[in-house]
Structures are given as structure tokens and as C-alpha cells.
Amino acid sequence: MCPENKETYIKGKFIFKKNIMKVVDCMILKQAIRDLASKDTNLSESASDFFKSSKYKELCLSLEIDKSMMDKSIKELETYPLISKKKLANRMAIMLDGFSRE
């Protein structure tokens, strides 16, 4: 999941920091998706609120993710029953790994 630290660090501290922040942003987004599928209603409501926040928009920009497509996916995810929602949330989270590797 994490970029090659040695190779990135050789290129310069700024690039290293930028890549680490991208990994952190990806981890935050992945956790929010998983929280959205939680059976804990407080946690899922909190995640739902996150997807309406400016921080979510910033994460999409940072990860170069099409926010409108992500919004559609999130809205659709919320319509699924809990078990299906959990499976799909985990698949979405795994797919996000590719965004943190660049």
C-alpha cells in the first residue's frame, strides 16, 4: 500500500511527504467507506456526514478521484442491506489502494 519509501526519499523529502499524505488520505477514505457500512448507527451516520463535508472533497482532490462518481457509489452503497453493504464497502476500500500507490 505504501510507496517505496527508500526510492521516494532519495528523490527528496517533499515527494516523500506528499506520498505519505496520499497514503494517509486513502486510509481515511477507506475507513469512512467501511464505517458507512457499520451496523453501529452512530458510526454510519457520522460517516454519512463525512461524505457531505469539505474534507471529503479535499480527499477526492488529493487522490485525484472523480467526486461525482464516488458520490454515486456512496449513495448506492447506502441502499444495500447490511451484509451486502459490508461486502461492497470492503471491495471499494480495496480498489482505493491503487490511488495511494501513485
C-alpha atoms as a PDB file:
ATOM      1  CA  MET A   1       0.000   0.000   0.000  1.00  0.00           C
ATOM      2  CA  CYS A   2       2.737   2.466   0.921  1.00  0.00           C
ATOM      3  CA  PRO A   3       5.004   3.794  -1.846  1.00  0.00           C
ATOM      4  CA  GLU A   4       8.610   2.649  -1.855  1.00  0.00           C
ATOM      5  CA  ASN A   5       9.984   4.750   0.998  1.00  0.00           C
ATOM      6  CA  LYS A   6      13.693   4.492   0.114  1.00  0.00           C
ATOM      7  CA  GLU A   7      13.199   5.307  -3.554  1.00  0.00           C
ATOM      8  CA  THR A   8      10.817   8.155  -2.829  1.00  0.00           C
ATOM      9  CA  TYR A   9      13.023   9.552  -0.074  1.00  0.00           C
ATOM     10  CA  ILE A  10      16.046   9.638  -2.403  1.00  0.00           C
ATOM     11  CA  LYS A  11      14.078  11.909  -4.716  1.00  0.00           C
ATOM     12  CA  GLY A  12      13.575  14.393  -1.889  1.00  0.00           C
ATOM     13  CA  LYS A  13      11.785  14.947   1.372  1.00  0.00           C
ATOM     14  CA  PHE A  14       8.919  16.873  -0.238  1.00  0.00           C
ATOM     15  CA  ILE A  15       7.983  13.981  -2.529  1.00  0.00           C
ATOM     16  CA  PHE A  16       8.256  11.546   0.384  1.00  0.00           C
ATOM     17  CA  LYS A  17       5.911  13.678   2.494  1.00  0.00           C
ATOM     18  CA  LYS A  18       3.484  14.126  -0.416  1.00  0.00           C
ATOM     19  CA  ASN A  19       3.264  10.370  -0.997  1.00  0.00           C
ATOM     20  CA  ILE A  20       2.820   9.625   2.696  1.00  0.00           C
ATOM     21  CA  MET A  21      -0.018  12.152   2.877  1.00  0.00           C
ATOM     22  CA  LYS A  22      -1.639  10.490  -0.121  1.00  0.00           C
ATOM     23  CA  VAL A  23      -1.490   7.135   1.674  1.00  0.00           C
ATOM     24  CA  VAL A  24      -2.990   8.702   4.818  1.00  0.00           C
ATOM     25  CA  ASP A  25      -5.764  10.345   2.769  1.00  0.00           C
ATOM     26  CA  CYS A  26      -6.528   6.999   1.156  1.00  0.00           C
ATOM     27  CA  MET A  27      -6.674   5.285   4.547  1.00  0.00           C
ATOM     28  CA  ILE A  28      -9.099   7.924   5.851  1.00  0.00           C
ATOM     29  CA  LEU A  29     -11.374   7.488   2.848  1.00  0.00           C
ATOM     30  CA  LYS A  30     -11.252   3.696   3.098  1.00  0.00           C
ATOM     31  CA  GLN A  31     -12.189   3.807   6.780  1.00  0.00           C
ATOM     32  CA  ALA A  32     -15.061   6.199   6.088  1.00  0.00           C
ATOM     33  CA  ILE A  33     -16.425   3.779   3.487  1.00  0.00           C
ATOM     34  CA  ARG A  34     -16.174   0.890   5.929  1.00  0.00           C
ATOM     35  CA  ASP A  35     -17.787   2.998   8.677  1.00  0.00           C
ATOM     36  CA  LEU A  36     -20.669   3.774   6.337  1.00  0.00           C
ATOM     37  CA  ALA A  37     -21.402   0.033   6.225  1.00  0.00           C
ATOM     38  CA  SER A  38     -21.210  -0.369  10.009  1.00  0.00           C
ATOM     39  CA  LYS A  39     -24.108  -1.841  11.983  1.00  0.00           C
ATOM     40  CA  ASP A  40     -23.376   0.861  14.592  1.00  0.00           C
ATOM     41  CA  THR A  41     -25.864   3.539  13.539  1.00  0.00           C
ATOM     42  CA  ASN A  42     -23.887   6.370  15.164  1.00  0.00           C
ATOM     43  CA  LEU A  43     -20.789   5.354  13.230  1.00  0.00           C
ATOM     44  CA  SER A  44     -22.617   5.007   9.925  1.00  0.00           C
ATOM     45  CA  GLU A  45     -24.384   8.355  10.406  1.00  0.00           C
ATOM     46  CA  SER A  46     -21.059  10.000  11.209  1.00  0.00           C
ATOM     47  CA  ALA A  47     -19.580   8.512   8.041  1.00  0.00           C
ATOM     48  CA  SER A  48     -22.572   9.709   6.052  1.00  0.00           C
ATOM     49  CA  ASP A  49     -21.984  13.231   7.393  1.00  0.00           C
ATOM     50  CA  PHE A  50     -18.308  12.963   6.425  1.00  0.00           C
ATOM     51  CA  PHE A  51     -19.279  12.316   2.799  1.00  0.00           C
ATOM     52  CA  LYS A  52     -21.105  15.661   2.820  1.00  0.00           C
ATOM     53  CA  SER A  53     -18.110  17.562   4.239  1.00  0.00           C
ATOM     54  CA  SER A  54     -15.394  19.701   2.672  1.00  0.00           C
ATOM     55  CA  LYS A  55     -12.747  17.278   3.995  1.00  0.00           C
ATOM     56  CA  TYR A  56     -14.208  14.555   1.772  1.00  0.00           C
ATOM     57  CA  LYS A  57     -13.992  16.879  -1.223  1.00  0.00           C
ATOM     58  CA  GLU A  58     -10.338  17.622  -0.355  1.00  0.00           C
ATOM     59  CA  LEU A  59      -9.566  13.895  -0.138  1.00  0.00           C
ATOM     60  CA  CYS A  60     -11.068  13.299  -3.571  1.00  0.00           C
ATOM     61  CA  LEU A  61      -8.917  16.090  -4.984  1.00  0.00           C
ATOM     62  CA  SER A  62      -5.804  14.787  -3.240  1.00  0.00           C
ATOM     63  CA  LEU A  63      -6.370  11.263  -4.547  1.00  0.00           C
ATOM     64  CA  GLU A  64      -7.487  12.502  -7.976  1.00  0.00           C
ATOM     65  CA  ILE A  65     -10.792  10.675  -7.641  1.00  0.00           C
ATOM     66  CA  ASP A  66     -13.848  11.781  -9.605  1.00  0.00           C
ATOM     67  CA  LYS A  67     -16.006  13.017  -6.711  1.00  0.00           C
ATOM     68  CA  SER A  68     -19.271  12.790  -8.647  1.00  0.00           C
ATOM     69  CA  MET A  69     -18.645   9.101  -9.424  1.00  0.00           C
ATOM     70  CA  MET A  70     -17.682   8.454  -5.808  1.00  0.00           C
ATOM     71  CA  ASP A  71     -20.850  10.243  -4.649  1.00  0.00           C
ATOM     72  CA  LYS A  72     -22.971   7.966  -6.843  1.00  0.00           C
ATOM     73  CA  SER A  73     -21.206   4.896  -5.462  1.00  0.00           C
ATOM     74  CA  ILE A  74     -21.689   6.064  -1.874  1.00  0.00           C
ATOM     75  CA  LYS A  75     -25.398   6.803  -2.415  1.00  0.00           C
ATOM     76  CA  GLU A  76     -25.912   3.394  -3.990  1.00  0.00           C
ATOM     77  CA  LEU A  77     -23.952   1.680  -1.210  1.00  0.00           C
ATOM     78  CA  GLU A  78     -26.287   3.210   1.381  1.00  0.00           C
ATOM     79  CA  THR A  79     -29.288   1.494  -0.243  1.00  0.00           C
ATOM     80  CA  TYR A  80     -27.954  -2.063   0.219  1.00  0.00           C
ATOM     81  CA  PRO A  81     -28.806  -4.356   3.144  1.00  0.00           C
ATOM     82  CA  LEU A  82     -26.134  -4.539   5.853  1.00  0.00           C
ATOM     83  CA  ILE A  83     -24.393  -7.761   4.804  1.00  0.00           C
ATOM     84  CA  SER A  84     -24.197  -6.753   1.143  1.00  0.00           C
ATOM     85  CA  LYS A  85     -23.184  -3.251   2.172  1.00  0.00           C
ATOM     86  CA  LYS A  86     -20.240  -4.587   4.191  1.00  0.00           C
ATOM     87  CA  LYS A  87     -19.009  -6.748   1.295  1.00  0.00           C
ATOM     88  CA  LEU A  88     -19.270  -3.906  -1.199  1.00  0.00           C
ATOM     89  CA  ALA A  89     -17.629  -1.440   1.193  1.00  0.00           C
ATOM     90  CA  ASN A  90     -14.659  -3.779   1.573  1.00  0.00           C
ATOM     91  CA  ARG A  91     -14.368  -4.135  -2.218  1.00  0.00           C
ATOM     92  CA  MET A  92     -14.474  -0.361  -2.622  1.00  0.00           C
ATOM     93  CA  ALA A  93     -11.791   0.044   0.035  1.00  0.00           C
ATOM     94  CA  ILE A  94      -9.532  -2.457  -1.711  1.00  0.00           C
ATOM     95  CA  MET A  95      -9.984  -0.634  -5.016  1.00  0.00           C
ATOM     96  CA  LEU A  96      -8.825   2.603  -3.376  1.00  0.00           C
ATOM     97  CA  ASP A  97      -5.401   1.090  -2.711  1.00  0.00           C
ATOM     98  CA  GLY A  98      -4.466   1.921  -6.301  1.00  0.00           C
ATOM     99  CA  PHE A  99      -4.915   5.635  -5.640  1.00  0.00           C
ATOM    100  CA  SER A 100      -2.326   5.712  -2.872  1.00  0.00           C
ATOM    101  CA  ARG A 101       0.395   3.997  -4.903  1.00  0.00           C
ATOM    102  CA  GLU A 102       0.937   6.716  -7.485  1.00  0.00           C
END
